[in-house]
Amino acid sequence: MKKPGIPVKQKMVLSQPSIFRRVYEIHAGDTPVATLSFDGMFSLYAAGETGEHSWRFAKTGFHKPRVAVCRADTGSEVAAFQHDFWSHGGTLQFPDGRLFSGVTGRWEKDFQFKTGTGDPLVSFQIQESLALAVDIFVPRNFPDLPLFLLLGCYIVVLMHEAAVSAAGAAVIMG
């Protein structure tokens, strides 16, 4: 399915159509914008696709988690997100040296990519519900927007799954 471009200054929503599959869709209203599909129920590997772009995401590491962003067609790494537990976020770095901040909000209910000067690029707000629902806002267009959008969705899905697992463990431990 050919997807349109990514809208700016318009709310988009990330949702999971079926709780039995780790496939997520991004919509602007009724219009599909992108998809994110994990390789399996417990996999840390996922594929993301917008109209013209596609990547693979892979999280590695435990104490120093890192997400590699690779081109889907060649497998070559185009960026890496290094998570930093102490700063509540991390850093997205491109091979040409460009750096961007990934900032996690209080209680890990939101995530945002920012420029080096602190300007927001893409914001993700997790909604309070049993199923994952995320409001996404992009204030302006920029060259790597599709990558930021899908990487942010990947990170937010993993954040949500970690929170659900922790809550489940707390209930079991009672």
C-alpha atoms as a PDB file:
ATOM      1  CA  MET A   1       0.000   0.000   0.000  1.00  0.00           C
ATOM      2  CA  LYS A   2       1.418   3.389  -0.980  1.00  0.00           C
ATOM      3  CA  LYS A   3       1.401   5.711   2.019  1.00  0.00           C
ATOM      4  CA  PRO A   4       1.265   9.503   1.735  1.00  0.00           C
ATOM      5  CA  GLY A   5       3.910  11.819   3.151  1.00  0.00           C
ATOM      6  CA  ILE A   6       4.159  12.520   6.858  1.00  0.00           C
ATOM      7  CA  PRO A   7       1.929  15.426   7.889  1.00  0.00           C
ATOM      8  CA  VAL A   8       3.313  18.264   9.994  1.00  0.00           C
ATOM      9  CA  LYS A   9       1.375  20.326  12.530  1.00  0.00           C
ATOM     10  CA  GLN A  10      -1.302  17.633  12.582  1.00  0.00           C
ATOM     11  CA  LYS A  11      -1.829  14.960  15.225  1.00  0.00           C
ATOM     12  CA  MET A  12      -0.983  11.418  14.220  1.00  0.00           C
ATOM     13  CA  VAL A  13      -1.781   8.303  16.237  1.00  0.00           C
ATOM     14  CA  LEU A  14       0.244   5.123  16.738  1.00  0.00           C
ATOM     15  CA  SER A  15      -1.969   2.142  17.508  1.00  0.00           C
ATOM     16  CA  GLN A  16      -1.869  -1.628  17.592  1.00  0.00           C
ATOM     17  CA  PRO A  17      -4.796  -3.066  15.598  1.00  0.00           C
ATOM     18  CA  SER A  18      -4.501  -6.511  17.223  1.00  0.00           C
ATOM     19  CA  ILE A  19      -3.032  -7.365  20.620  1.00  0.00           C
ATOM     20  CA  PHE A  20      -2.087 -10.758  19.179  1.00  0.00           C
ATOM     21  CA  ARG A  21       0.443  -9.295  16.727  1.00  0.00           C
ATOM     22  CA  ARG A  22       3.219  -6.772  17.306  1.00  0.00           C
ATOM     23  CA  VAL A  23       2.274  -4.715  14.291  1.00  0.00           C
ATOM     24  CA  TYR A  24       1.665  -1.005  14.781  1.00  0.00           C
ATOM     25  CA  GLU A  25       0.137   1.554  12.462  1.00  0.00           C
ATOM     26  CA  ILE A  26       0.550   5.309  12.326  1.00  0.00           C
ATOM     27  CA  HIS A  27      -2.439   7.265  11.037  1.00  0.00           C
ATOM     28  CA  ALA A  28      -3.237  10.921  10.451  1.00  0.00           C
ATOM     29  CA  GLY A  29      -7.006  10.828  10.789  1.00  0.00           C
ATOM     30  CA  ASP A  30      -8.101   7.893   8.622  1.00  0.00           C
ATOM     31  CA  THR A  31      -5.002   8.083   6.416  1.00  0.00           C
ATOM     32  CA  PRO A  32      -2.258   5.472   6.988  1.00  0.00           C
ATOM     33  CA  VAL A  33       1.178   7.083   7.234  1.00  0.00           C
ATOM     34  CA  ALA A  34       3.557   4.303   8.348  1.00  0.00           C
ATOM     35  CA  THR A  35       3.840   0.829   9.858  1.00  0.00           C
ATOM     36  CA  LEU A  36       6.143  -0.782  12.402  1.00  0.00           C
ATOM     37  CA  SER A  37       6.286  -4.592  12.563  1.00  0.00           C
ATOM     38  CA  PHE A  38       8.263  -6.666  15.054  1.00  0.00           C
ATOM     39  CA  ASP A  39       9.697  -9.998  13.926  1.00  0.00           C
ATOM     40  CA  GLY A  40       7.949 -11.955  16.688  1.00  0.00           C
ATOM     41  CA  MET A  41       6.202 -11.725  20.058  1.00  0.00           C
ATOM     42  CA  PHE A  42       9.434 -11.291  22.027  1.00  0.00           C
ATOM     43  CA  SER A  43      11.743  -9.987  19.326  1.00  0.00           C
ATOM     44  CA  LEU A  44      13.759  -6.785  19.607  1.00  0.00           C
ATOM     45  CA  TYR A  45      14.013  -6.607  15.810  1.00  0.00           C
ATOM     46  CA  ALA A  46      11.479  -4.572  13.851  1.00  0.00           C
ATOM     47  CA  ALA A  47      10.884  -3.189  10.372  1.00  0.00           C
ATOM     48  CA  GLY A  48       9.475   0.269   9.798  1.00  0.00           C
ATOM     49  CA  GLU A  49       8.043   1.638   6.566  1.00  0.00           C
ATOM     50  CA  THR A  50       6.697   4.944   5.340  1.00  0.00           C
ATOM     51  CA  GLY A  51       5.674   5.694   1.768  1.00  0.00           C
ATOM     52  CA  GLU A  52       9.204   5.825   0.346  1.00  0.00           C
ATOM     53  CA  HIS A  53      11.476   4.769   3.203  1.00  0.00           C
ATOM     54  CA  SER A  54      12.094   1.585   5.136  1.00  0.00           C
ATOM     55  CA  TRP A  55      14.455   0.649   7.951  1.00  0.00           C
ATOM     56  CA  ARG A  56      15.280  -2.162  10.338  1.00  0.00           C
ATOM     57  CA  PHE A  57      15.658  -1.503  14.067  1.00  0.00           C
ATOM     58  CA  ALA A  58      17.582  -3.697  16.490  1.00  0.00           C
ATOM     59  CA  LYS A  59      18.076  -3.145  20.211  1.00  0.00           C
ATOM     60  CA  THR A  60      21.185  -4.643  21.757  1.00  0.00           C
ATOM     61  CA  GLY A  61      22.769  -4.456  25.181  1.00  0.00           C
ATOM     62  CA  PHE A  62      21.323  -4.429  28.668  1.00  0.00           C
ATOM     63  CA  HIS A  63      23.396  -2.075  30.806  1.00  0.00           C
ATOM     64  CA  LYS A  64      24.074   0.226  27.858  1.00  0.00           C
ATOM     65  CA  PRO A  65      21.171  -0.359  25.478  1.00  0.00           C
ATOM     66  CA  ARG A  66      21.673   0.739  21.890  1.00  0.00           C
ATOM     67  CA  VAL A  67      19.288   0.765  18.945  1.00  0.00           C
ATOM     68  CA  ALA A  68      20.855   0.365  15.510  1.00  0.00           C
ATOM     69  CA  VAL A  69      18.924   1.869  12.602  1.00  0.00           C
ATOM     70  CA  CYS A  70      19.730   0.124   9.319  1.00  0.00           C
ATOM     71  CA  ARG A  71      18.515   0.544   5.766  1.00  0.00           C
ATOM     72  CA  ALA A  72      16.091  -2.290   5.024  1.00  0.00           C
ATOM     73  CA  ASP A  73      17.441  -2.875   1.513  1.00  0.00           C
ATOM     74  CA  THR A  74      21.178  -2.999   2.275  1.00  0.00           C
ATOM     75  CA  GLY A  75      21.396  -3.605   6.017  1.00  0.00           C
ATOM     76  CA  SER A  76      23.883  -0.739   6.368  1.00  0.00           C
ATOM     77  CA  GLU A  77      23.665   1.233   9.608  1.00  0.00           C
ATOM     78  CA  VAL A  78      22.492   4.824   9.096  1.00  0.00           C
ATOM     79  CA  ALA A  79      22.112   5.925  12.734  1.00  0.00           C
ATOM     80  CA  ALA A  80      22.292   4.677  16.313  1.00  0.00           C
ATOM     81  CA  PHE A  81      20.382   5.626  19.436  1.00  0.00           C
ATOM     82  CA  GLN A  82      22.333   5.203  22.671  1.00  0.00           C
ATOM     83  CA  HIS A  83      20.036   5.041  25.692  1.00  0.00           C
ATOM     84  CA  ASP A  84      21.183   6.766  28.899  1.00  0.00           C
ATOM     85  CA  PHE A  85      19.231   5.718  31.992  1.00  0.00           C
ATOM     86  CA  TRP A  86      20.628   8.541  34.097  1.00  0.00           C
ATOM     87  CA  SER A  87      19.543  11.342  31.766  1.00  0.00           C
ATOM     88  CA  HIS A  88      16.079   9.841  31.097  1.00  0.00           C
ATOM     89  CA  GLY A  89      16.653   9.646  27.391  1.00  0.00           C
ATOM     90  CA  GLY A  90      19.577   9.199  25.092  1.00  0.00           C
ATOM     91  CA  THR A  91      21.397  10.400  22.007  1.00  0.00           C
ATOM     92  CA  LEU A  92      20.698   9.719  18.346  1.00  0.00           C
ATOM     93  CA  GLN A  93      23.888   9.909  16.311  1.00  0.00           C
ATOM     94  CA  PHE A  94      24.362   9.824  12.563  1.00  0.00           C
ATOM     95  CA  PRO A  95      27.651   8.752  10.914  1.00  0.00           C
ATOM     96  CA  ASP A  96      28.240  12.346   9.739  1.00  0.00           C
ATOM     97  CA  GLY A  97      28.435  13.452  13.389  1.00  0.00           C
ATOM     98  CA  ARG A  98      24.967  14.983  13.779  1.00  0.00           C
ATOM     99  CA  LEU A  99      23.586  14.477  17.302  1.00  0.00           C
ATOM    100  CA  PHE A 100      20.012  14.726  18.566  1.00  0.00           C
ATOM    101  CA  SER A 101      18.573  14.267  22.046  1.00  0.00           C
ATOM    102  CA  GLY A 102      15.927  11.725  22.894  1.00  0.00           C
ATOM    103  CA  VAL A 103      14.157  12.842  26.066  1.00  0.00           C
ATOM    104  CA  THR A 104      11.850  10.702  28.187  1.00  0.00           C
ATOM    105  CA  GLY A 105       9.272  12.529  30.269  1.00  0.00           C
ATOM    106  CA  ARG A 106       8.244  11.918  33.831  1.00  0.00           C
ATOM    107  CA  TRP A 107       6.869   8.426  34.453  1.00  0.00           C
ATOM    108  CA  GLU A 108       7.952   7.545  30.906  1.00  0.00           C
ATOM    109  CA  LYS A 109       4.599   8.587  29.449  1.00  0.00           C
ATOM    110  CA  ASP A 110       6.180  10.649  26.703  1.00  0.00           C
ATOM    111  CA  PHE A 111       9.242  10.759  24.504  1.00  0.00           C
ATOM    112  CA  GLN A 112      10.619  13.521  22.322  1.00  0.00           C
ATOM    113  CA  PHE A 113      13.451  14.035  19.863  1.00  0.00           C
ATOM    114  CA  LYS A 114      15.096  17.454  20.094  1.00  0.00           C
ATOM    115  CA  THR A 115      17.795  19.355  18.244  1.00  0.00           C
ATOM    116  CA  GLY A 116      21.055  20.296  19.940  1.00  0.00           C
ATOM    117  CA  THR A 117      19.490  23.668  20.800  1.00  0.00           C
ATOM    118  CA  GLY A 118      16.463  22.015  22.417  1.00  0.00           C
ATOM    119  CA  ASP A 119      13.940  22.591  19.624  1.00  0.00           C
ATOM    120  CA  PRO A 120      11.387  19.744  19.412  1.00  0.00           C
ATOM    121  CA  LEU A 121      11.415  17.606  16.266  1.00  0.00           C
ATOM    122  CA  VAL A 122       8.911  14.828  17.018  1.00  0.00           C
ATOM    123  CA  SER A 123       6.842  14.319  20.191  1.00  0.00           C
ATOM    124  CA  PHE A 124       5.199  11.094  21.371  1.00  0.00           C
ATOM    125  CA  GLN A 125       2.562  11.097  24.155  1.00  0.00           C
ATOM    126  CA  ILE A 126       1.493   7.684  25.481  1.00  0.00           C
ATOM    127  CA  GLN A 127      -2.217   7.604  26.340  1.00  0.00           C
ATOM    128  CA  GLU A 128      -3.519   5.979  29.512  1.00  0.00           C
ATOM    129  CA  SER A 129      -5.105   2.755  28.298  1.00  0.00           C
ATOM    130  CA  LEU A 130      -4.589  -0.977  28.371  1.00  0.00           C
ATOM    131  CA  ALA A 131      -3.816  -1.125  24.651  1.00  0.00           C
ATOM    132  CA  LEU A 132      -0.991   1.024  23.353  1.00  0.00           C
ATOM    133  CA  ALA A 133      -2.149   4.332  21.889  1.00  0.00           C
ATOM    134  CA  VAL A 134       0.287   7.183  21.243  1.00  0.00           C
ATOM    135  CA  ASP A 135      -0.376  10.713  20.026  1.00  0.00           C
ATOM    136  CA  ILE A 136       2.401  11.990  17.743  1.00  0.00           C
ATOM    137  CA  PHE A 137       3.077  15.581  16.788  1.00  0.00           C
ATOM    138  CA  VAL A 138       5.613  16.955  14.296  1.00  0.00           C
ATOM    139  CA  PRO A 139       5.949  20.762  14.439  1.00  0.00           C
ATOM    140  CA  ARG A 140       7.887  21.114  11.170  1.00  0.00           C
ATOM    141  CA  ASN A 141       9.259  19.152   8.250  1.00  0.00           C
ATOM    142  CA  PHE A 142      12.953  18.191   8.132  1.00  0.00           C
ATOM    143  CA  PRO A 143      15.048  15.811   5.979  1.00  0.00           C
ATOM    144  CA  ASP A 144      15.203  12.765   8.274  1.00  0.00           C
ATOM    145  CA  LEU A 145      11.604  12.988   9.528  1.00  0.00           C
ATOM    146  CA  PRO A 146      10.564   9.448   8.439  1.00  0.00           C
ATOM    147  CA  LEU A 147      13.508   7.905  10.323  1.00  0.00           C
ATOM    148  CA  PHE A 148      12.816   9.961  13.479  1.00  0.00           C
ATOM    149  CA  LEU A 149       9.120   9.067  13.341  1.00  0.00           C
ATOM    150  CA  LEU A 150       9.656   5.320  13.071  1.00  0.00           C
ATOM    151  CA  LEU A 151      12.589   5.168  15.506  1.00  0.00           C
ATOM    152  CA  GLY A 152      10.540   7.114  18.042  1.00  0.00           C
ATOM    153  CA  CYS A 153       7.654   4.685  17.616  1.00  0.00           C
ATOM    154  CA  TYR A 154      10.043   1.757  18.094  1.00  0.00           C
ATOM    155  CA  ILE A 155      11.405   3.307  21.318  1.00  0.00           C
ATOM    156  CA  VAL A 156       7.918   4.131  22.638  1.00  0.00           C
ATOM    157  CA  VAL A 157       6.665   0.591  21.969  1.00  0.00           C
ATOM    158  CA  LEU A 158       9.618  -0.843  23.923  1.00  0.00           C
ATOM    159  CA  MET A 159       9.020   1.672  26.759  1.00  0.00           C
ATOM    160  CA  HIS A 160       5.349   0.679  26.922  1.00  0.00           C
ATOM    161  CA  GLU A 161       6.129  -3.040  26.905  1.00  0.00           C
ATOM    162  CA  ALA A 162       8.692  -2.588  29.693  1.00  0.00           C
ATOM    163  CA  ALA A 163       6.147  -0.659  31.789  1.00  0.00           C
ATOM    164  CA  VAL A 164       3.468  -3.321  31.259  1.00  0.00           C
ATOM    165  CA  SER A 165       5.950  -6.064  32.217  1.00  0.00           C
ATOM    166  CA  ALA A 166       6.980  -4.193  35.367  1.00  0.00           C
ATOM    167  CA  ALA A 167       3.345  -3.638  36.343  1.00  0.00           C
ATOM    168  CA  GLY A 168       2.596  -7.327  35.773  1.00  0.00           C
ATOM    169  CA  ALA A 169       5.549  -8.352  37.914  1.00  0.00           C
ATOM    170  CA  ALA A 170       4.407  -5.985  40.682  1.00  0.00           C
ATOM    171  CA  VAL A 171       0.937  -7.556  40.671  1.00  0.00           C
ATOM    172  CA  ILE A 172       2.358 -11.085  40.753  1.00  0.00           C
ATOM    173  CA  MET A 173       4.789 -10.236  43.578  1.00  0.00           C
ATOM    174  CA  GLY A 174       1.863  -8.509  45.342  1.00  0.00           C
END
